[in-house]
Structure formats: structure tokens, C-alpha cells
Amino acid sequence: MAIPHLFRTYGSNAVYPSGLLGVSRPSAVGLAHLLIMDATTTPSTDPGRPQLQLIEHCLSLTELCAHLQVSVQTIYDLRSQGRGPRGFRVGRELRFRISEIEAWLARMEQDDDQRHADGWPTSMRSVLRAPAHLEQH
């Protein structure tokens, strides 16, 4: 509240008397604790304490699309159809774990293999199927 009052009193371009705003401390004083701090880490030897695991690397939606050479809309469409990779939001950006992307690509390959099992796309199988009276029972 004091700063707006100073602006109203002295104006925005005024030179303020040094005592009004207070004295800032030297920067070396604020960082003195860093001089004695040990930044090395050692794993815990306590068997009851769980070990930290590294966070798995993730790709943003933009990075995934660039890697797969597809548009952002393609990934959105696949996800809305239930055929896209599982992801999560960090702020506004979608993120995807590398393991989830690999599992999703494996599922896509497996689905594609099943769809083309006998060499013809699913849509063509019904066209090429023999009439019911010619099929062997």
C-alpha cells in the first residue's frame, strides 16, 4: 500500500528520498549460506526408506506430432475416437510418457496386422467374399 501512496505523492517520474523506500541489503549477505552448502547427493542406506525413481521422460503434444510427422489435429482425432495415446495435462499442454507412446504404437501395429491379416483391407473382404451358396460348410 505504501508504493501507490508514494506514486500519488511524488508522481511516477519523481526521485524518491532514499529513506522512504528502505535500504536493500547487499547481495553477498543473501547468498552466504550457499558457500557452505554441500550439493552432492548420496543414496539412502536405510532399507525401510523407498528409493526415489527418476521421473520418466515425456513428450509434449507438439514434440509427439513432430516426431510422428502428423498434425496436432490427427492426435486429437485419434484420442477422441479412443485410439490415441493416453496422456495428461501439465498446464495447458498435453504430455505423453515415452512408455505410453511405445505401448500405443505397438497396439496400433497389432490392430493394423489384424486388419490386414489375409492381405486385404477389412472393407474389401466383404466385397470379395464368395456368395453364401458357394461357401463350403
N, C-alpha and C. Protein backbone atom coordinates (compact mmCIF):
# COMPACT_ATOMS: atom_id res chain seq x y z
N MET A 1 0.80 -1.19 0.00
CA MET A 1 0.00 0.00 0.00
C MET A 1 0.85 1.26 0.00
N ALA A 2 2.09 1.16 0.47
CA ALA A 2 2.92 2.35 0.57
C ALA A 2 3.39 2.82 -0.80
N ILE A 3 3.64 1.92 -1.71
CA ILE A 3 4.16 2.29 -3.02
C ILE A 3 3.14 3.11 -3.81
N PRO A 4 1.85 2.69 -3.93
CA PRO A 4 0.89 3.55 -4.63
C PRO A 4 0.78 4.93 -3.99
N HIS A 5 0.88 4.98 -2.68
CA HIS A 5 0.83 6.28 -1.98
C HIS A 5 2.01 7.15 -2.40
N LEU A 6 3.21 6.55 -2.53
CA LEU A 6 4.38 7.32 -2.96
C LEU A 6 4.20 7.82 -4.37
N PHE A 7 3.62 7.00 -5.26
CA PHE A 7 3.37 7.44 -6.62
C PHE A 7 2.41 8.62 -6.65
N ARG A 8 1.36 8.55 -5.85
CA ARG A 8 0.40 9.65 -5.80
C ARG A 8 1.03 10.91 -5.21
N THR A 9 1.90 10.73 -4.24
CA THR A 9 2.50 11.88 -3.55
C THR A 9 3.59 12.53 -4.39
N TYR A 10 4.51 11.72 -4.93
CA TYR A 10 5.66 12.27 -5.63
C TYR A 10 5.56 12.19 -7.15
N GLY A 11 4.60 11.41 -7.69
CA GLY A 11 4.49 11.24 -9.13
C GLY A 11 5.31 10.04 -9.59
N SER A 12 5.03 9.55 -10.79
CA SER A 12 5.70 8.32 -11.24
C SER A 12 7.13 8.56 -11.69
N ASN A 13 7.52 9.81 -12.04
CA ASN A 13 8.87 10.08 -12.52
C ASN A 13 9.74 10.75 -11.47
N ALA A 14 9.26 10.85 -10.27
CA ALA A 14 9.99 11.57 -9.23
C ALA A 14 11.15 10.76 -8.69
N VAL A 15 12.10 11.48 -8.14
CA VAL A 15 13.22 10.84 -7.46
C VAL A 15 12.84 10.79 -5.98
N TYR A 16 12.83 9.60 -5.41
CA TYR A 16 12.37 9.42 -4.04
C TYR A 16 13.53 9.58 -3.06
N PRO A 17 13.28 10.17 -1.95
CA PRO A 17 14.32 10.20 -0.91
C PRO A 17 14.62 8.76 -0.49
N SER A 18 15.89 8.44 -0.31
CA SER A 18 16.30 7.06 -0.07
C SER A 18 15.68 6.44 1.17
N GLY A 19 15.35 7.21 2.14
CA GLY A 19 14.80 6.68 3.36
C GLY A 19 13.36 6.20 3.22
N LEU A 20 12.65 6.65 2.22
CA LEU A 20 11.24 6.31 2.09
C LEU A 20 11.03 4.86 1.63
N LEU A 21 11.89 4.41 0.77
CA LEU A 21 11.71 3.05 0.23
C LEU A 21 12.51 2.01 1.00
N GLY A 22 13.34 2.40 1.88
CA GLY A 22 14.12 1.45 2.65
C GLY A 22 15.42 1.13 1.95
N VAL A 23 16.29 0.49 2.67
CA VAL A 23 17.61 0.15 2.15
C VAL A 23 17.64 -1.34 1.84
N SER A 24 18.12 -1.67 0.66
CA SER A 24 18.24 -3.09 0.34
C SER A 24 19.57 -3.59 0.85
N ARG A 25 19.63 -4.84 1.23
CA ARG A 25 20.86 -5.39 1.78
C ARG A 25 21.78 -5.81 0.64
N PRO A 26 23.05 -5.88 0.90
CA PRO A 26 24.00 -6.31 -0.14
C PRO A 26 23.69 -7.74 -0.58
N SER A 27 23.91 -8.04 -1.84
CA SER A 27 23.57 -9.36 -2.36
C SER A 27 24.42 -10.47 -1.77
N ALA A 28 25.64 -10.20 -1.38
CA ALA A 28 26.51 -11.24 -0.82
C ALA A 28 25.95 -11.77 0.49
N VAL A 29 25.27 -10.94 1.24
CA VAL A 29 24.70 -11.37 2.51
C VAL A 29 23.60 -12.39 2.26
N GLY A 30 22.78 -12.18 1.23
CA GLY A 30 21.68 -13.08 0.92
C GLY A 30 22.12 -14.44 0.42
N LEU A 31 23.36 -14.55 -0.09
CA LEU A 31 23.83 -15.81 -0.68
C LEU A 31 24.91 -16.48 0.16
N ALA A 32 25.18 -15.99 1.34
CA ALA A 32 26.26 -16.53 2.16
C ALA A 32 26.03 -18.01 2.50
N HIS A 33 24.80 -18.42 2.67
CA HIS A 33 24.52 -19.82 3.02
C HIS A 33 24.91 -20.78 1.90
N LEU A 34 24.98 -20.30 0.66
CA LEU A 34 25.34 -21.17 -0.46
C LEU A 34 26.82 -21.54 -0.45
N LEU A 35 27.64 -20.75 0.21
CA LEU A 35 29.07 -21.03 0.23
C LEU A 35 29.40 -22.28 1.02
N ILE A 36 28.60 -22.62 2.02
CA ILE A 36 28.89 -23.79 2.84
C ILE A 36 27.97 -24.97 2.53
N MET A 37 27.07 -24.81 1.58
CA MET A 37 26.12 -25.86 1.26
C MET A 37 26.79 -26.96 0.44
N ASP A 38 26.50 -28.21 0.78
CA ASP A 38 27.01 -29.36 0.05
C ASP A 38 25.94 -29.80 -0.96
N ALA A 39 26.27 -29.75 -2.24
CA ALA A 39 25.29 -30.05 -3.28
C ALA A 39 25.33 -31.50 -3.74
N THR A 40 26.22 -32.31 -3.17
CA THR A 40 26.28 -33.71 -3.59
C THR A 40 25.18 -34.50 -2.89
N THR A 41 24.68 -35.51 -3.58
CA THR A 41 23.64 -36.36 -3.00
C THR A 41 24.16 -37.78 -2.89
N THR A 42 23.71 -38.47 -1.88
CA THR A 42 24.08 -39.87 -1.70
C THR A 42 22.81 -40.67 -1.48
N PRO A 43 22.75 -41.88 -2.04
CA PRO A 43 21.54 -42.69 -1.84
C PRO A 43 21.39 -43.09 -0.38
N SER A 44 20.17 -43.21 0.04
CA SER A 44 19.88 -43.59 1.41
C SER A 44 20.24 -45.06 1.64
N THR A 45 20.84 -45.34 2.79
CA THR A 45 21.18 -46.73 3.12
C THR A 45 20.13 -47.36 4.01
N ASP A 46 19.11 -46.58 4.36
CA ASP A 46 18.03 -47.09 5.22
C ASP A 46 17.15 -48.03 4.39
N PRO A 47 17.08 -49.33 4.74
CA PRO A 47 16.28 -50.27 3.94
C PRO A 47 14.78 -49.99 4.02
N GLY A 48 14.32 -49.31 5.06
CA GLY A 48 12.89 -49.00 5.18
C GLY A 48 12.46 -47.80 4.36
N ARG A 49 13.42 -47.05 3.88
CA ARG A 49 13.09 -45.85 3.10
C ARG A 49 13.09 -46.19 1.62
N PRO A 50 12.00 -45.91 0.92
CA PRO A 50 11.97 -46.24 -0.51
C PRO A 50 12.91 -45.34 -1.30
N GLN A 51 13.52 -45.93 -2.31
CA GLN A 51 14.42 -45.17 -3.17
C GLN A 51 13.61 -44.35 -4.17
N LEU A 52 14.09 -43.17 -4.46
CA LEU A 52 13.42 -42.34 -5.46
C LEU A 52 13.70 -42.90 -6.85
N GLN A 53 12.68 -42.92 -7.67
CA GLN A 53 12.86 -43.32 -9.05
C GLN A 53 12.82 -42.07 -9.89
N LEU A 54 13.61 -42.07 -10.93
CA LEU A 54 13.62 -40.91 -11.82
C LEU A 54 12.28 -40.80 -12.53
N ILE A 55 11.86 -39.61 -12.77
CA ILE A 55 10.62 -39.37 -13.49
C ILE A 55 10.84 -39.73 -14.95
N GLU A 56 9.91 -40.49 -15.49
CA GLU A 56 10.02 -40.92 -16.88
C GLU A 56 9.93 -39.72 -17.81
N HIS A 57 10.73 -39.73 -18.84
CA HIS A 57 10.74 -38.64 -19.81
C HIS A 57 9.41 -38.61 -20.57
N CYS A 58 8.92 -37.43 -20.82
CA CYS A 58 7.65 -37.24 -21.52
C CYS A 58 7.85 -36.36 -22.74
N LEU A 59 6.95 -36.50 -23.69
CA LEU A 59 6.92 -35.63 -24.87
C LEU A 59 5.67 -34.77 -24.80
N SER A 60 5.80 -33.54 -25.25
CA SER A 60 4.62 -32.68 -25.37
C SER A 60 3.87 -33.10 -26.64
N LEU A 61 2.66 -32.61 -26.78
CA LEU A 61 1.86 -32.91 -27.98
C LEU A 61 2.60 -32.43 -29.22
N THR A 62 3.18 -31.26 -29.15
CA THR A 62 3.91 -30.70 -30.29
C THR A 62 5.10 -31.58 -30.65
N GLU A 63 5.84 -32.04 -29.64
CA GLU A 63 7.00 -32.90 -29.90
C GLU A 63 6.57 -34.25 -30.48
N LEU A 64 5.49 -34.82 -29.96
CA LEU A 64 4.98 -36.09 -30.48
C LEU A 64 4.58 -35.95 -31.95
N CYS A 65 3.86 -34.88 -32.26
CA CYS A 65 3.42 -34.67 -33.65
C CYS A 65 4.61 -34.48 -34.58
N ALA A 66 5.62 -33.74 -34.14
CA ALA A 66 6.81 -33.55 -34.96
C ALA A 66 7.53 -34.88 -35.18
N HIS A 67 7.62 -35.69 -34.15
CA HIS A 67 8.29 -36.99 -34.25
C HIS A 67 7.56 -37.93 -35.20
N LEU A 68 6.22 -37.94 -35.12
CA LEU A 68 5.43 -38.84 -35.97
C LEU A 68 5.09 -38.22 -37.33
N GLN A 69 5.41 -36.95 -37.50
CA GLN A 69 5.13 -36.20 -38.73
C GLN A 69 3.64 -36.22 -39.06
N VAL A 70 2.83 -35.91 -38.03
CA VAL A 70 1.38 -35.79 -38.20
C VAL A 70 0.95 -34.46 -37.60
N SER A 71 -0.26 -34.05 -37.92
CA SER A 71 -0.76 -32.79 -37.37
C SER A 71 -1.27 -33.00 -35.95
N VAL A 72 -1.37 -31.91 -35.23
CA VAL A 72 -1.93 -31.94 -33.88
C VAL A 72 -3.36 -32.45 -33.93
N GLN A 73 -4.10 -32.04 -34.95
CA GLN A 73 -5.49 -32.46 -35.08
C GLN A 73 -5.61 -33.97 -35.24
N THR A 74 -4.65 -34.59 -35.90
CA THR A 74 -4.68 -36.06 -36.06
C THR A 74 -4.64 -36.74 -34.69
N ILE A 75 -3.76 -36.28 -33.82
CA ILE A 75 -3.66 -36.88 -32.48
C ILE A 75 -4.94 -36.61 -31.69
N TYR A 76 -5.47 -35.37 -31.79
CA TYR A 76 -6.74 -35.06 -31.12
C TYR A 76 -7.86 -35.97 -31.62
N ASP A 77 -7.93 -36.18 -32.94
CA ASP A 77 -8.97 -37.04 -33.52
C ASP A 77 -8.83 -38.48 -33.03
N LEU A 78 -7.61 -39.01 -33.04
CA LEU A 78 -7.39 -40.37 -32.57
C LEU A 78 -7.78 -40.51 -31.10
N ARG A 79 -7.44 -39.52 -30.29
CA ARG A 79 -7.78 -39.58 -28.87
C ARG A 79 -9.29 -39.51 -28.67
N SER A 80 -9.98 -38.70 -29.45
CA SER A 80 -11.44 -38.59 -29.30
C SER A 80 -12.15 -39.87 -29.74
N GLN A 81 -11.50 -40.66 -30.62
CA GLN A 81 -12.06 -41.94 -31.07
C GLN A 81 -11.65 -43.09 -30.14
N GLY A 82 -10.86 -42.78 -29.12
CA GLY A 82 -10.38 -43.82 -28.22
C GLY A 82 -9.22 -44.62 -28.77
N ARG A 83 -8.58 -44.12 -29.82
CA ARG A 83 -7.48 -44.84 -30.46
C ARG A 83 -6.15 -44.13 -30.30
N GLY A 84 -6.11 -43.06 -29.51
CA GLY A 84 -4.89 -42.28 -29.35
C GLY A 84 -4.13 -42.67 -28.10
N PRO A 85 -2.95 -42.08 -27.93
CA PRO A 85 -2.15 -42.38 -26.75
C PRO A 85 -2.75 -41.76 -25.50
N ARG A 86 -2.56 -42.43 -24.36
CA ARG A 86 -3.00 -41.86 -23.09
C ARG A 86 -2.03 -40.77 -22.71
N GLY A 87 -2.57 -39.65 -22.27
CA GLY A 87 -1.73 -38.54 -21.88
C GLY A 87 -2.29 -37.82 -20.67
N PHE A 88 -1.64 -36.76 -20.29
CA PHE A 88 -2.09 -35.95 -19.17
C PHE A 88 -1.69 -34.51 -19.45
N ARG A 89 -2.38 -33.62 -18.79
CA ARG A 89 -2.10 -32.19 -18.99
C ARG A 89 -1.19 -31.66 -17.90
N VAL A 90 -0.25 -30.85 -18.32
CA VAL A 90 0.56 -30.05 -17.41
C VAL A 90 0.29 -28.62 -17.86
N GLY A 91 -0.54 -27.93 -17.08
CA GLY A 91 -0.99 -26.62 -17.52
C GLY A 91 -1.92 -26.78 -18.70
N ARG A 92 -1.59 -26.15 -19.79
CA ARG A 92 -2.42 -26.24 -20.99
C ARG A 92 -1.93 -27.29 -21.97
N GLU A 93 -0.72 -27.77 -21.80
CA GLU A 93 -0.09 -28.66 -22.77
C GLU A 93 -0.30 -30.13 -22.41
N LEU A 94 -0.66 -30.93 -23.40
CA LEU A 94 -0.76 -32.37 -23.22
C LEU A 94 0.64 -32.96 -23.19
N ARG A 95 0.86 -33.93 -22.32
CA ARG A 95 2.14 -34.64 -22.23
C ARG A 95 1.88 -36.14 -22.34
N PHE A 96 2.85 -36.85 -22.89
CA PHE A 96 2.73 -38.28 -23.08
C PHE A 96 4.01 -38.95 -22.60
N ARG A 97 3.87 -39.96 -21.74
CA ARG A 97 5.03 -40.73 -21.30
C ARG A 97 5.56 -41.54 -22.47
N ILE A 98 6.88 -41.68 -22.53
CA ILE A 98 7.51 -42.44 -23.61
C ILE A 98 7.00 -43.88 -23.61
N SER A 99 6.86 -44.49 -22.43
CA SER A 99 6.38 -45.87 -22.36
C SER A 99 4.96 -45.99 -22.89
N GLU A 100 4.12 -44.97 -22.63
CA GLU A 100 2.75 -45.00 -23.14
C GLU A 100 2.72 -44.84 -24.65
N ILE A 101 3.60 -44.01 -25.19
CA ILE A 101 3.68 -43.84 -26.65
C ILE A 101 4.10 -45.15 -27.30
N GLU A 102 5.10 -45.82 -26.72
CA GLU A 102 5.55 -47.10 -27.27
C GLU A 102 4.45 -48.16 -27.22
N ALA A 103 3.71 -48.21 -26.10
CA ALA A 103 2.61 -49.17 -25.98
C ALA A 103 1.51 -48.85 -26.99
N TRP A 104 1.21 -47.58 -27.16
CA TRP A 104 0.18 -47.15 -28.12
C TRP A 104 0.58 -47.53 -29.54
N LEU A 105 1.85 -47.28 -29.90
CA LEU A 105 2.30 -47.63 -31.25
C LEU A 105 2.26 -49.15 -31.45
N ALA A 106 2.59 -49.91 -30.43
CA ALA A 106 2.51 -51.38 -30.54
C ALA A 106 1.07 -51.82 -30.75
N ARG A 107 0.12 -51.18 -30.02
CA ARG A 107 -1.31 -51.51 -30.21
C ARG A 107 -1.76 -51.15 -31.62
N MET A 108 -1.30 -50.01 -32.12
CA MET A 108 -1.67 -49.61 -33.49
C MET A 108 -1.13 -50.61 -34.51
N GLU A 109 0.10 -51.07 -34.32
CA GLU A 109 0.68 -52.05 -35.23
C GLU A 109 -0.09 -53.37 -35.16
N GLN A 110 -0.44 -53.79 -33.94
CA GLN A 110 -1.18 -55.04 -33.77
C GLN A 110 -2.56 -54.93 -34.42
N ASP A 111 -3.25 -53.81 -34.21
CA ASP A 111 -4.56 -53.61 -34.84
C ASP A 111 -4.44 -53.61 -36.36
N ASP A 112 -3.37 -53.00 -36.87
CA ASP A 112 -3.17 -52.95 -38.31
C ASP A 112 -2.88 -54.35 -38.86
N ASP A 113 -2.09 -55.13 -38.12
CA ASP A 113 -1.81 -56.50 -38.55
C ASP A 113 -3.08 -57.34 -38.58
N GLN A 114 -3.94 -57.19 -37.59
CA GLN A 114 -5.19 -57.95 -37.57
C GLN A 114 -6.11 -57.51 -38.70
N ARG A 115 -6.11 -56.23 -38.98
CA ARG A 115 -6.98 -55.71 -40.02
C ARG A 115 -6.56 -56.22 -41.40
N HIS A 116 -5.28 -56.43 -41.57
CA HIS A 116 -4.74 -56.86 -42.86
C HIS A 116 -4.21 -58.30 -42.81
N ALA A 117 -4.80 -59.12 -41.98
CA ALA A 117 -4.29 -60.48 -41.75
C ALA A 117 -4.24 -61.31 -43.03
N ASP A 118 -5.26 -61.25 -43.84
CA ASP A 118 -5.26 -62.07 -45.05
C ASP A 118 -4.91 -61.25 -46.28
N GLY A 119 -4.24 -60.13 -46.10
CA GLY A 119 -3.74 -59.38 -47.24
C GLY A 119 -4.71 -58.38 -47.82
N TRP A 120 -5.94 -58.33 -47.35
CA TRP A 120 -6.92 -57.40 -47.89
C TRP A 120 -7.46 -56.53 -46.76
N PRO A 121 -7.67 -55.25 -47.05
CA PRO A 121 -8.29 -54.39 -46.04
C PRO A 121 -9.67 -54.91 -45.66
N THR A 122 -10.10 -54.62 -44.46
CA THR A 122 -11.39 -55.09 -43.95
C THR A 122 -12.53 -54.68 -44.88
N SER A 123 -12.48 -53.48 -45.41
CA SER A 123 -13.56 -53.01 -46.27
C SER A 123 -13.67 -53.83 -47.55
N MET A 124 -12.57 -54.43 -48.00
CA MET A 124 -12.59 -55.20 -49.24
C MET A 124 -12.99 -56.66 -49.00
N ARG A 125 -12.88 -57.16 -47.78
CA ARG A 125 -13.18 -58.56 -47.51
C ARG A 125 -14.63 -58.89 -47.83
N SER A 126 -15.55 -58.02 -47.45
CA SER A 126 -16.96 -58.29 -47.70
C SER A 126 -17.26 -58.26 -49.20
N VAL A 127 -16.55 -57.44 -49.95
CA VAL A 127 -16.78 -57.36 -51.39
C VAL A 127 -16.26 -58.61 -52.07
N LEU A 128 -15.13 -59.13 -51.60
CA LEU A 128 -14.51 -60.28 -52.25
C LEU A 128 -14.99 -61.62 -51.73
N ARG A 129 -15.81 -61.63 -50.67
CA ARG A 129 -16.30 -62.88 -50.10
C ARG A 129 -17.21 -63.59 -51.11
N ALA A 130 -17.08 -64.87 -51.17
CA ALA A 130 -17.90 -65.66 -52.09
C ALA A 130 -19.35 -65.63 -51.63
N PRO A 131 -20.29 -65.73 -52.56
CA PRO A 131 -21.70 -65.78 -52.17
C PRO A 131 -21.94 -66.95 -51.22
N ALA A 132 -22.95 -66.82 -50.37
CA ALA A 132 -23.24 -67.80 -49.32
C ALA A 132 -23.48 -69.19 -49.90
N HIS A 133 -24.14 -69.31 -51.07
CA HIS A 133 -24.43 -70.64 -51.62
C HIS A 133 -23.19 -71.34 -52.16
N LEU A 134 -22.07 -70.59 -52.37
CA LEU A 134 -20.84 -71.20 -52.88
C LEU A 134 -19.87 -71.56 -51.75
N GLU A 135 -20.08 -71.00 -50.54
CA GLU A 135 -19.16 -71.28 -49.44
C GLU A 135 -19.27 -72.73 -48.99
N GLN A 136 -18.15 -73.33 -48.66
CA GLN A 136 -18.15 -74.71 -48.17
C GLN A 136 -18.47 -74.70 -46.70
N HIS A 137 -19.25 -75.68 -46.28
CA HIS A 137 -19.63 -75.76 -44.86
C HIS A 137 -18.81 -76.75 -44.17
